[in-house]
Amino acid sequence: MREILRGTGFLLHIPGIMALVSLPVAAWADEGWALANLLFTAALALAAGQGLVWSSRGAGGFQRYQSMLIAALSWVLIAAIGALPLWLAAQAPAAMAGAAISFHTPAHALFESVSGFTSTGLSVVEQAARLPAHIQWWRSLSQWVGGIGVILLLLAILPAERGAINLYFSEAREEKILPTVKSTVRAIWGIYLAYTLIAVGLLWLAGEPGWRALNHGMTAIATGGFTITDQSLVNTPTRVQLAYLPIMLAGAVSFVIHYRLIVERVAPPRLWRMAELRLLLWVTVGGAALLLLERWLTVGDGGGLTTVFVWVSAVTTAGFTASDLSGWGDGPLLMVLLALIMGGMAGSTSGGVKLLRVSLLLKDLLAQLRQLRATPHQVVVLRHDSERVSPERMAELGRIASRLIGMFMLLWLLGVLVMLHGVPADTRLGHVFFDTASALFNSGLATGVAGPGLGTGPSLVLSALMLLGRLEIFPLLVLAAWAAGRR
């Protein structure tokens, strides 16, 4: 128990530090009334974190089971603390709070916080441009931190802990670039910071105002989707929309690829051998072409850049949109839905089931077909990422991937069933399926079901789905079992 309290206590410092970092923003924006809110959030988070750390002195290293509990418990508590500035801002007079009035209901504040830290991007705010500046910043900062993961931030700044590798993998991470967790985390953070600066600069050069470029650069590289504009990027000029595309794609590429390309200077043809990277390219290019064709067949207009932008946003689970999806037909929406379910590469900031698992399932299917065609004495050998893999090994990898994907699908269907009891009776079933999937797979694209009119019950359901999707189910299941007194 001490190990769980110690790990959770360290992680609770993160929203406290975030609140302190946000104080200059409130002062710069002449929002002095918000300083007390941020100070209260910082004091609560830091006091709770220090209290847990000091009460668990003498704790040992983190085992796998304990690390999963720490990840689940800390993400829930961090999201709850992260909702405080939003809810407190909603208690201010309407003239000062502006659109933050949307967070007057605690469930809505929690929903927005969870959407931020899980880098999902669903929002209950109707006019984000009217939010106080410190709330705009808080939403962007939560997505930027959550995009790479709160545990990675902890491991980057604290001395090496025993069992750090278990804590690292507990946050749905599968890659280790360098021999130690510490060096891997610092390499990832270095790349992430560099790409953030590049994203902000690119958007500013494309014509975005400075404040918008800063916020949107942070949420774009985190594939989060929060904006400080109304209706996302619907009314954004073409040149600016084009600038978002490489940023979203960079966020959807594994940090392993970035490290090998930038630091190790591996030649691109060698990286092209990775099946997951090739699949990302084919899905992005081929899917965009098919979506343009589908829209042309259904409405007589492919939509051009707007359609391509929505597709890239879906594949990367970035959550930005350049079109009102509530007016799209079922065919195009189904294609976008499939894209956001697959998501980007493993080890990136994207959500979804990850293209690595999709690639493994396809390879397993190919292996089974080859075995069916093979003669009794023929040896079937497959290649995956330039390595020779036996059909038996591929079948094992395929079973692991299909098990997790199957759990995702089951949770999605259960989520839709529960959501149907909390939305208006005239809501399109396809829209409920779409927005529920957007929450579970951390996409952020929405048809209007998950929006300003969301009730308290559906807000809590979607919040739980966003956390389940971000941590890839198992840590929260372990937490539920632990809370029920079962190991």
Protein backbone atom coordinates (compact mmCIF):
# COMPACT_ATOMS: atom_id res chain seq x y z
CA MET A 1 0.00 0.00 0.00
CA ARG A 2 2.86 2.39 0.77
CA GLU A 3 4.20 2.05 -2.75
CA ILE A 4 0.82 2.98 -4.20
CA LEU A 5 0.52 6.04 -1.95
CA ARG A 6 4.07 7.12 -2.75
CA GLY A 7 3.65 6.88 -6.51
CA THR A 8 0.27 8.59 -6.44
CA GLY A 9 1.62 11.32 -4.17
CA PHE A 10 4.43 12.15 -6.58
CA LEU A 11 2.00 12.35 -9.49
CA LEU A 12 -0.39 14.67 -7.63
CA HIS A 13 2.32 17.33 -7.72
CA ILE A 14 1.75 17.71 -11.47
CA PRO A 15 -1.56 19.66 -11.41
CA GLY A 16 -0.09 21.77 -8.62
CA ILE A 17 2.92 22.71 -10.73
CA MET A 18 0.61 23.36 -13.69
CA ALA A 19 -1.47 25.75 -11.59
CA LEU A 20 1.64 27.66 -10.49
CA VAL A 21 2.83 27.89 -14.10
CA SER A 22 -0.59 29.29 -15.05
CA LEU A 23 -0.41 32.19 -12.56
CA PRO A 24 1.59 34.48 -14.91
CA VAL A 25 -0.98 33.85 -17.64
CA ALA A 26 -3.81 35.05 -15.40
CA ALA A 27 -1.77 38.11 -14.39
CA TRP A 28 -0.86 38.89 -18.02
CA ALA A 29 -4.51 38.64 -19.07
CA ASP A 30 -5.54 40.99 -16.24
CA GLU A 31 -7.60 38.23 -14.62
CA GLY A 32 -6.59 38.89 -11.05
CA TRP A 33 -9.77 37.27 -9.77
CA ALA A 34 -8.44 33.91 -11.04
CA LEU A 35 -5.20 34.01 -9.04
CA ALA A 36 -6.91 32.73 -5.89
CA ASN A 37 -8.46 29.86 -7.85
CA LEU A 38 -5.11 28.76 -9.23
CA LEU A 39 -3.37 29.16 -5.87
CA PHE A 40 -6.05 27.06 -4.20
CA THR A 41 -5.63 24.34 -6.84
CA ALA A 42 -1.85 24.40 -6.43
CA ALA A 43 -2.06 24.28 -2.64
CA LEU A 44 -4.51 21.39 -2.64
CA ALA A 45 -2.53 19.33 -5.16
CA LEU A 46 0.88 19.96 -3.59
CA ALA A 47 -0.37 19.41 -0.03
CA ALA A 48 -2.10 16.17 -0.98
CA GLY A 49 0.93 14.99 -2.93
CA GLN A 50 3.40 15.82 -0.17
CA GLY A 51 1.13 14.28 2.44
CA LEU A 52 1.00 10.97 0.57
CA VAL A 53 4.76 10.97 -0.08
CA TRP A 54 5.68 11.68 3.54
CA SER A 55 3.18 9.15 4.88
CA SER A 56 4.70 6.42 2.69
CA ARG A 57 8.37 6.85 3.56
CA GLY A 58 10.27 3.59 3.38
CA ALA A 59 8.24 2.23 0.49
CA GLY A 60 9.92 -0.23 -1.85
CA GLY A 61 10.00 -0.36 -5.64
CA PHE A 62 6.94 -0.42 -7.83
CA GLN A 63 5.82 -3.84 -8.99
CA ARG A 64 3.69 -4.31 -12.10
CA TYR A 65 0.40 -4.61 -10.21
CA GLN A 66 1.19 -1.60 -8.03
CA SER A 67 2.25 0.46 -11.05
CA MET A 68 -1.08 -0.16 -12.76
CA LEU A 69 -2.90 0.91 -9.60
CA ILE A 70 -0.77 4.06 -9.37
CA ALA A 71 -1.48 4.91 -13.01
CA ALA A 72 -5.24 4.44 -12.69
CA LEU A 73 -5.61 6.16 -9.31
CA SER A 74 -3.40 9.11 -10.18
CA TRP A 75 -5.10 9.76 -13.54
CA VAL A 76 -8.51 9.85 -11.84
CA LEU A 77 -7.30 12.17 -9.07
CA ILE A 78 -5.35 14.43 -11.43
CA ALA A 79 -8.41 14.84 -13.65
CA ALA A 80 -10.52 15.66 -10.58
CA ILE A 81 -8.03 18.28 -9.35
CA GLY A 82 -7.65 19.59 -12.90
CA ALA A 83 -11.39 20.29 -12.95
CA LEU A 84 -11.07 22.75 -10.04
CA PRO A 85 -9.89 25.83 -12.00
CA LEU A 86 -12.69 25.23 -14.51
CA TRP A 87 -15.40 24.88 -11.87
CA LEU A 88 -14.09 27.79 -9.78
CA ALA A 89 -14.02 30.04 -12.86
CA ALA A 90 -17.70 29.21 -13.45
CA GLN A 91 -18.54 30.53 -9.97
CA ALA A 92 -17.31 34.03 -10.88
CA PRO A 93 -19.77 36.70 -12.07
CA ALA A 94 -20.93 36.05 -15.64
CA ALA A 95 -19.13 39.10 -17.00
CA MET A 96 -15.79 37.68 -15.87
CA ALA A 97 -16.44 33.97 -16.34
CA GLY A 98 -17.67 34.29 -19.92
CA ALA A 99 -18.11 30.89 -21.55
CA ALA A 100 -16.68 29.22 -18.43
CA ILE A 101 -20.26 29.21 -17.18
CA SER A 102 -20.42 25.88 -19.05
CA PHE A 103 -18.43 24.38 -16.16
CA HIS A 104 -20.91 25.42 -13.46
CA THR A 105 -22.01 21.78 -13.21
CA PRO A 106 -19.21 19.74 -11.56
CA ALA A 107 -19.76 16.87 -14.01
CA HIS A 108 -19.11 19.23 -16.94
CA ALA A 109 -15.93 20.56 -15.33
CA LEU A 110 -14.75 16.99 -14.74
CA PHE A 111 -15.64 16.01 -18.31
CA GLU A 112 -13.60 18.90 -19.73
CA SER A 113 -10.66 18.09 -17.47
CA VAL A 114 -10.70 14.40 -18.39
CA SER A 115 -10.98 15.33 -22.07
CA GLY A 116 -7.95 17.55 -21.64
CA PHE A 117 -5.64 15.22 -19.75
CA THR A 118 -6.54 12.25 -21.97
CA SER A 119 -5.89 14.49 -25.02
CA THR A 120 -9.32 13.63 -26.37
CA GLY A 121 -10.72 17.06 -27.25
CA LEU A 122 -14.46 16.63 -26.69
CA SER A 123 -15.85 19.78 -25.07
CA VAL A 124 -18.97 21.13 -23.41
CA VAL A 125 -17.97 24.70 -24.32
CA GLU A 126 -19.98 26.33 -27.07
CA GLN A 127 -17.92 29.52 -27.46
CA ALA A 128 -14.30 28.75 -26.62
CA ALA A 129 -13.24 32.21 -27.83
CA ARG A 130 -15.14 33.76 -24.89
CA LEU A 131 -13.35 31.70 -22.24
CA PRO A 132 -11.06 33.59 -19.85
CA ALA A 133 -7.46 33.49 -21.07
CA HIS A 134 -6.23 31.45 -18.10
CA ILE A 135 -8.90 28.81 -18.78
CA GLN A 136 -7.96 28.70 -22.46
CA TRP A 137 -4.37 28.16 -21.38
CA TRP A 138 -5.33 25.58 -18.72
CA ARG A 139 -7.20 23.48 -21.29
CA SER A 140 -4.28 23.62 -23.72
CA LEU A 141 -1.71 22.86 -21.02
CA SER A 142 -3.69 19.87 -19.76
CA GLN A 143 -3.76 18.42 -23.28
CA TRP A 144 -0.08 19.10 -23.83
CA VAL A 145 0.87 17.33 -20.58
CA GLY A 146 -1.67 14.56 -21.07
CA GLY A 147 -0.65 13.96 -24.67
CA ILE A 148 2.72 12.62 -23.63
CA GLY A 149 1.51 11.32 -20.27
CA VAL A 150 1.68 12.50 -16.68
CA ILE A 151 3.85 9.56 -15.66
CA LEU A 152 6.45 10.46 -18.27
CA LEU A 153 6.63 13.94 -16.77
CA LEU A 154 7.20 12.43 -13.33
CA LEU A 155 9.91 10.04 -14.52
CA ALA A 156 11.70 12.88 -16.33
CA ILE A 157 12.12 15.11 -13.29
CA LEU A 158 12.47 12.68 -10.37
CA PRO A 159 15.48 10.56 -9.46
CA ALA A 160 15.28 7.00 -10.77
CA GLU A 161 12.86 4.90 -8.75
CA ARG A 162 13.06 1.16 -8.35
CA GLY A 163 10.43 -0.37 -10.59
CA ALA A 164 10.34 2.69 -12.86
CA ILE A 165 10.04 0.46 -15.91
CA ASN A 166 6.77 -0.98 -14.56
CA LEU A 167 5.47 2.54 -14.00
CA TYR A 168 6.55 3.51 -17.51
CA PHE A 169 4.66 0.66 -19.18
CA SER A 170 1.58 1.16 -16.97
CA GLU A 171 0.66 4.27 -19.01
CA ALA A 172 -0.05 2.28 -22.19
CA ARG A 173 3.50 2.63 -23.55
CA GLU A 174 5.18 -0.18 -25.43
CA GLU A 175 8.44 1.31 -26.73
CA LYS A 176 11.79 1.84 -25.00
CA ILE A 177 14.17 3.85 -27.19
CA LEU A 178 17.30 3.73 -25.00
CA PRO A 179 18.60 1.13 -22.50
CA THR A 180 17.15 2.84 -19.41
CA VAL A 181 13.72 4.26 -18.71
CA LYS A 182 15.25 7.55 -17.56
CA SER A 183 17.15 8.10 -20.80
CA THR A 184 14.12 7.04 -22.86
CA VAL A 185 11.83 9.48 -21.08
CA ARG A 186 14.26 12.36 -21.46
CA ALA A 187 14.72 11.60 -25.16
CA ILE A 188 10.94 11.59 -25.66
CA TRP A 189 10.55 14.87 -23.79
CA GLY A 190 13.33 16.50 -25.80
CA ILE A 191 11.66 15.51 -29.06
CA TYR A 192 8.25 16.60 -27.77
CA LEU A 193 9.48 20.03 -26.71
CA ALA A 194 11.26 20.58 -30.02
CA TYR A 195 8.20 19.62 -32.05
CA THR A 196 6.00 21.85 -29.88
CA LEU A 197 8.18 24.88 -30.65
CA ILE A 198 8.17 23.99 -34.34
CA ALA A 199 4.38 23.59 -34.32
CA VAL A 200 3.83 26.97 -32.64
CA GLY A 201 6.22 28.67 -35.07
CA LEU A 202 4.67 27.01 -38.12
CA LEU A 203 1.14 28.08 -37.18
CA TRP A 204 2.32 31.62 -36.47
CA LEU A 205 4.07 31.82 -39.85
CA ALA A 206 0.93 30.48 -41.54
CA GLY A 207 -1.08 33.40 -40.17
CA GLU A 208 -2.40 32.34 -36.77
CA PRO A 209 -2.22 35.11 -34.13
CA GLY A 210 0.41 34.51 -31.45
CA TRP A 211 -1.91 33.47 -28.64
CA ARG A 212 -3.83 31.10 -30.90
CA ALA A 213 -0.62 29.68 -32.39
CA LEU A 214 0.70 28.94 -28.89
CA ASN A 215 -2.45 27.17 -27.68
CA HIS A 216 -3.19 25.33 -30.90
CA GLY A 217 0.44 24.34 -31.42
CA MET A 218 0.40 22.64 -28.01
CA THR A 219 -2.88 20.82 -28.60
CA ALA A 220 -2.03 19.89 -32.21
CA ILE A 221 1.26 18.15 -31.41
CA ALA A 222 -0.52 16.40 -28.52
CA THR A 223 -3.23 15.33 -31.00
CA GLY A 224 -5.69 16.78 -28.51
CA GLY A 225 -8.07 19.05 -30.40
CA PHE A 226 -8.96 21.78 -27.89
CA THR A 227 -9.15 25.16 -29.60
CA ILE A 228 -9.66 28.72 -28.40
CA THR A 229 -11.92 29.44 -31.37
CA ASP A 230 -15.61 28.76 -31.85
CA GLN A 231 -16.45 25.77 -34.08
CA SER A 232 -12.89 24.44 -34.01
CA LEU A 233 -11.19 25.30 -37.34
CA VAL A 234 -14.29 25.54 -39.54
CA ASN A 235 -13.65 29.14 -40.59
CA THR A 236 -9.85 28.91 -40.72
CA PRO A 237 -8.10 30.02 -43.98
CA THR A 238 -6.80 27.30 -46.28
CA ARG A 239 -3.10 28.08 -45.70
CA VAL A 240 -3.59 27.72 -41.95
CA GLN A 241 -5.43 24.41 -42.31
CA LEU A 242 -2.55 23.14 -44.43
CA ALA A 243 -0.12 24.05 -41.64
CA TYR A 244 -2.01 21.84 -39.18
CA LEU A 245 -1.68 18.70 -41.32
CA PRO A 246 2.07 17.98 -40.79
CA ILE A 247 1.76 18.79 -37.09
CA MET A 248 -1.07 16.31 -36.58
CA LEU A 249 0.81 13.66 -38.55
CA ALA A 250 3.99 14.27 -36.54
CA GLY A 251 2.00 13.65 -33.35
CA ALA A 252 0.69 10.37 -34.77
CA VAL A 253 4.17 9.01 -35.55
CA SER A 254 5.96 6.95 -32.90
CA PHE A 255 8.67 8.66 -30.87
CA VAL A 256 10.91 5.74 -31.85
CA ILE A 257 10.70 6.88 -35.47
CA HIS A 258 11.38 10.50 -34.52
CA TYR A 259 14.40 9.50 -32.44
CA ARG A 260 15.91 7.30 -35.13
CA LEU A 261 15.35 9.92 -37.79
CA ILE A 262 16.55 12.98 -35.85
CA VAL A 263 19.10 11.71 -33.32
CA GLU A 264 20.43 8.52 -34.89
CA ARG A 265 19.98 9.93 -38.42
CA VAL A 266 18.76 6.64 -39.82
CA ALA A 267 18.04 6.83 -43.54
CA PRO A 268 14.31 7.08 -44.34
CA PRO A 269 14.40 3.93 -46.57
CA ARG A 270 15.41 1.88 -43.50
CA LEU A 271 12.54 3.32 -41.48
CA TRP A 272 10.20 2.52 -44.34
CA ARG A 273 10.69 -1.17 -43.53
CA MET A 274 8.46 -0.73 -40.48
CA ALA A 275 5.03 -2.14 -41.36
CA GLU A 276 3.22 0.22 -39.00
CA LEU A 277 4.74 3.31 -40.62
CA ARG A 278 3.82 2.09 -44.09
CA LEU A 279 0.29 1.35 -42.92
CA LEU A 280 -0.02 4.89 -41.54
CA LEU A 281 0.89 6.33 -44.92
CA TRP A 282 -1.46 4.07 -46.87
CA VAL A 283 -4.35 4.69 -44.49
CA THR A 284 -3.79 8.45 -44.59
CA VAL A 285 -3.42 8.81 -48.37
CA GLY A 286 -5.68 5.99 -49.52
CA GLY A 287 -8.37 6.71 -46.94
CA ALA A 288 -8.46 10.40 -47.82
CA ALA A 289 -8.97 9.53 -51.49
CA LEU A 290 -11.77 7.08 -50.66
CA LEU A 291 -13.48 9.61 -48.38
CA LEU A 292 -13.35 12.25 -51.12
CA LEU A 293 -14.93 9.73 -53.51
CA GLU A 294 -17.59 8.72 -50.97
CA ARG A 295 -18.63 12.31 -50.36
CA TRP A 296 -18.70 13.01 -54.08
CA LEU A 297 -20.97 10.00 -54.62
CA THR A 298 -23.31 10.90 -51.76
CA VAL A 299 -23.57 14.70 -51.91
CA GLY A 300 -22.04 15.50 -55.31
CA ASP A 301 -19.10 17.40 -53.80
CA GLY A 302 -15.94 15.80 -52.44
CA GLY A 303 -15.25 18.70 -50.12
CA GLY A 304 -11.61 19.15 -51.11
CA LEU A 305 -9.23 20.20 -48.35
CA THR A 306 -12.02 20.19 -45.75
CA THR A 307 -12.58 16.46 -46.27
CA VAL A 308 -8.86 15.69 -46.27
CA PHE A 309 -8.43 17.71 -43.07
CA VAL A 310 -11.19 15.77 -41.29
CA TRP A 311 -9.69 12.47 -42.44
CA VAL A 312 -6.18 13.32 -41.19
CA SER A 313 -7.67 14.54 -37.93
CA ALA A 314 -9.51 11.21 -37.57
CA VAL A 315 -6.49 9.04 -38.38
CA THR A 316 -4.28 10.95 -35.95
CA THR A 317 -7.16 11.31 -33.42
CA ALA A 318 -6.25 15.00 -33.27
CA GLY A 319 -9.85 16.13 -32.79
CA PHE A 320 -9.70 19.27 -34.94
CA THR A 321 -12.43 19.66 -37.53
CA ALA A 322 -12.96 21.92 -40.52
CA SER A 323 -16.56 20.85 -41.10
CA ASP A 324 -19.79 20.37 -39.14
CA LEU A 325 -19.95 16.57 -38.92
CA SER A 326 -23.58 16.60 -37.74
CA GLY A 327 -24.58 17.29 -41.35
CA TRP A 328 -22.54 14.43 -42.85
CA GLY A 329 -24.25 11.31 -44.21
CA ASP A 330 -23.90 7.86 -42.67
CA GLY A 331 -21.41 6.60 -45.29
CA PRO A 332 -18.73 9.29 -44.83
CA LEU A 333 -19.25 9.23 -41.04
CA LEU A 334 -18.69 5.47 -40.99
CA MET A 335 -15.39 5.90 -42.83
CA VAL A 336 -14.25 8.59 -40.40
CA LEU A 337 -15.35 6.34 -37.53
CA LEU A 338 -13.17 3.49 -38.77
CA ALA A 339 -10.20 5.85 -39.03
CA LEU A 340 -10.49 7.16 -35.47
CA ILE A 341 -10.91 3.63 -34.12
CA MET A 342 -7.60 2.57 -35.73
CA GLY A 343 -5.76 5.71 -34.60
CA GLY A 344 -2.06 6.43 -35.09
CA MET A 345 1.13 4.55 -34.28
CA ALA A 346 1.93 2.93 -30.95
CA GLY A 347 4.27 5.11 -28.89
CA SER A 348 2.82 8.35 -30.26
CA THR A 349 0.41 10.88 -28.77
CA SER A 350 -2.50 9.42 -30.78
CA GLY A 351 -5.41 7.43 -29.43
CA GLY A 352 -7.28 4.53 -31.04
CA VAL A 353 -6.39 0.85 -30.93
CA LYS A 354 -3.10 1.75 -32.72
CA LEU A 355 -2.00 0.76 -36.19
CA LEU A 356 0.55 -1.67 -34.74
CA ARG A 357 -2.26 -3.95 -33.59
CA VAL A 358 -4.11 -3.54 -36.88
CA SER A 359 -0.90 -4.48 -38.70
CA LEU A 360 -0.43 -7.57 -36.53
CA LEU A 361 -3.99 -8.72 -37.18
CA LEU A 362 -3.49 -8.33 -40.93
CA LYS A 363 -0.19 -10.22 -40.80
CA ASP A 364 -1.80 -13.00 -38.75
CA LEU A 365 -4.59 -13.28 -41.32
CA LEU A 366 -1.99 -13.49 -44.10
CA ALA A 367 -0.11 -16.20 -42.18
CA GLN A 368 -3.26 -18.29 -41.81
CA LEU A 369 -4.05 -17.97 -45.52
CA ARG A 370 -0.51 -19.02 -46.46
CA GLN A 371 -0.68 -22.02 -44.15
CA LEU A 372 -3.94 -23.11 -45.76
CA ARG A 373 -2.32 -22.96 -49.20
CA ALA A 374 0.98 -24.57 -48.14
CA THR A 375 1.83 -28.20 -48.89
CA PRO A 376 2.38 -30.57 -45.91
CA HIS A 377 6.19 -30.24 -46.09
CA GLN A 378 6.37 -26.54 -46.97
CA VAL A 379 7.79 -24.18 -44.33
CA VAL A 380 5.85 -20.92 -44.10
CA VAL A 381 7.88 -17.91 -42.99
CA LEU A 382 6.61 -14.34 -42.73
CA ARG A 383 8.45 -11.04 -42.61
CA HIS A 384 7.47 -8.34 -40.15
CA ASP A 385 9.60 -5.18 -39.94
CA SER A 386 12.31 -6.98 -41.98
CA GLU A 387 12.47 -9.84 -39.47
CA ARG A 388 11.55 -13.46 -40.11
CA VAL A 389 8.56 -14.52 -38.01
CA SER A 390 7.00 -17.96 -37.82
CA PRO A 391 3.23 -18.34 -38.26
CA GLU A 392 3.00 -19.61 -34.68
CA ARG A 393 4.66 -16.47 -33.31
CA MET A 394 2.49 -14.27 -35.51
CA ALA A 395 -0.61 -16.09 -34.28
CA GLU A 396 0.42 -15.39 -30.69
CA LEU A 397 0.91 -11.68 -31.44
CA GLY A 398 -2.41 -11.62 -33.29
CA ARG A 399 -4.22 -13.15 -30.30
CA ILE A 400 -2.79 -10.51 -27.97
CA ALA A 401 -3.86 -7.70 -30.31
CA SER A 402 -7.31 -9.15 -30.94
CA ARG A 403 -7.91 -9.61 -27.20
CA LEU A 404 -7.43 -5.92 -26.48
CA ILE A 405 -9.33 -4.80 -29.57
CA GLY A 406 -12.19 -7.10 -28.58
CA MET A 407 -12.33 -5.51 -25.13
CA PHE A 408 -12.41 -2.06 -26.73
CA MET A 409 -15.32 -3.09 -28.95
CA LEU A 410 -17.25 -4.53 -26.01
CA LEU A 411 -16.76 -1.36 -23.96
CA TRP A 412 -17.84 0.72 -26.93
CA LEU A 413 -21.11 -1.21 -27.29
CA LEU A 414 -21.77 -1.03 -23.55
CA GLY A 415 -21.08 2.69 -23.63
CA VAL A 416 -23.54 3.21 -26.48
CA LEU A 417 -26.20 1.21 -24.60
CA VAL A 418 -25.80 3.38 -21.50
CA MET A 419 -25.64 6.60 -23.51
CA LEU A 420 -28.96 5.81 -25.23
CA HIS A 421 -30.67 6.24 -21.85
CA GLY A 422 -29.23 9.74 -21.39
CA VAL A 423 -29.68 11.44 -24.77
CA PRO A 424 -32.84 12.86 -26.36
CA ALA A 425 -35.07 10.25 -28.00
CA ASP A 426 -34.72 11.81 -31.45
CA THR A 427 -30.90 11.58 -31.46
CA ARG A 428 -29.54 9.66 -34.46
CA LEU A 429 -28.19 6.27 -33.45
CA GLY A 430 -25.20 6.76 -35.74
CA HIS A 431 -24.30 9.96 -33.89
CA VAL A 432 -24.42 8.17 -30.53
CA PHE A 433 -22.12 5.44 -31.87
CA PHE A 434 -19.75 8.04 -33.32
CA ASP A 435 -19.40 10.30 -30.28
CA THR A 436 -19.12 7.36 -27.87
CA ALA A 437 -16.31 5.92 -29.99
CA SER A 438 -14.69 9.35 -30.12
CA ALA A 439 -14.55 9.36 -26.32
CA LEU A 440 -13.30 5.79 -25.91
CA PHE A 441 -10.66 6.10 -28.63
CA ASN A 442 -9.62 9.62 -27.54
CA SER A 443 -10.41 11.25 -30.88
CA GLY A 444 -12.37 14.42 -30.09
CA LEU A 445 -14.34 14.59 -33.32
CA ALA A 446 -18.05 14.90 -32.54
CA THR A 447 -21.44 15.11 -34.18
CA GLY A 448 -23.01 17.13 -31.37
CA VAL A 449 -24.03 14.39 -28.91
CA ALA A 450 -20.95 15.10 -26.79
CA GLY A 451 -21.29 18.85 -26.59
CA PRO A 452 -22.75 21.77 -24.65
CA GLY A 453 -26.10 20.02 -24.08
CA LEU A 454 -24.57 16.91 -22.52
CA GLY A 455 -26.35 15.81 -19.33
CA THR A 456 -24.67 14.88 -16.05
CA GLY A 457 -25.06 11.11 -16.51
CA PRO A 458 -23.70 10.99 -20.07
CA SER A 459 -20.86 13.34 -19.03
CA LEU A 460 -19.72 10.86 -16.39
CA VAL A 461 -20.09 7.89 -18.74
CA LEU A 462 -17.99 9.53 -21.46
CA SER A 463 -15.43 10.66 -18.86
CA ALA A 464 -14.99 7.05 -17.77
CA LEU A 465 -14.66 5.92 -21.38
CA MET A 466 -12.00 8.55 -22.09
CA LEU A 467 -9.92 7.36 -19.14
CA LEU A 468 -10.37 3.71 -20.13
CA GLY A 469 -9.22 4.48 -23.66
CA ARG A 470 -6.21 6.55 -22.58
CA LEU A 471 -4.90 3.88 -20.20
CA GLU A 472 -5.99 1.02 -22.48
CA ILE A 473 -8.47 -0.51 -20.06
CA PHE A 474 -6.39 -2.72 -17.78
CA PRO A 475 -5.16 -0.22 -15.15
CA LEU A 476 -8.71 0.96 -14.46
CA LEU A 477 -9.96 -2.62 -14.30
CA VAL A 478 -7.22 -3.36 -11.78
CA LEU A 479 -8.29 -0.29 -9.80
CA ALA A 480 -11.93 -1.41 -9.83
CA ALA A 481 -10.94 -4.88 -8.63
CA TRP A 482 -8.72 -3.39 -5.92
CA ALA A 483 -11.54 -1.11 -4.74
CA ALA A 484 -13.80 -4.16 -4.53
CA GLY A 485 -11.24 -5.90 -2.32
CA ARG A 486 -9.92 -8.28 -4.99
CA ARG A 487 -6.39 -8.57 -6.33
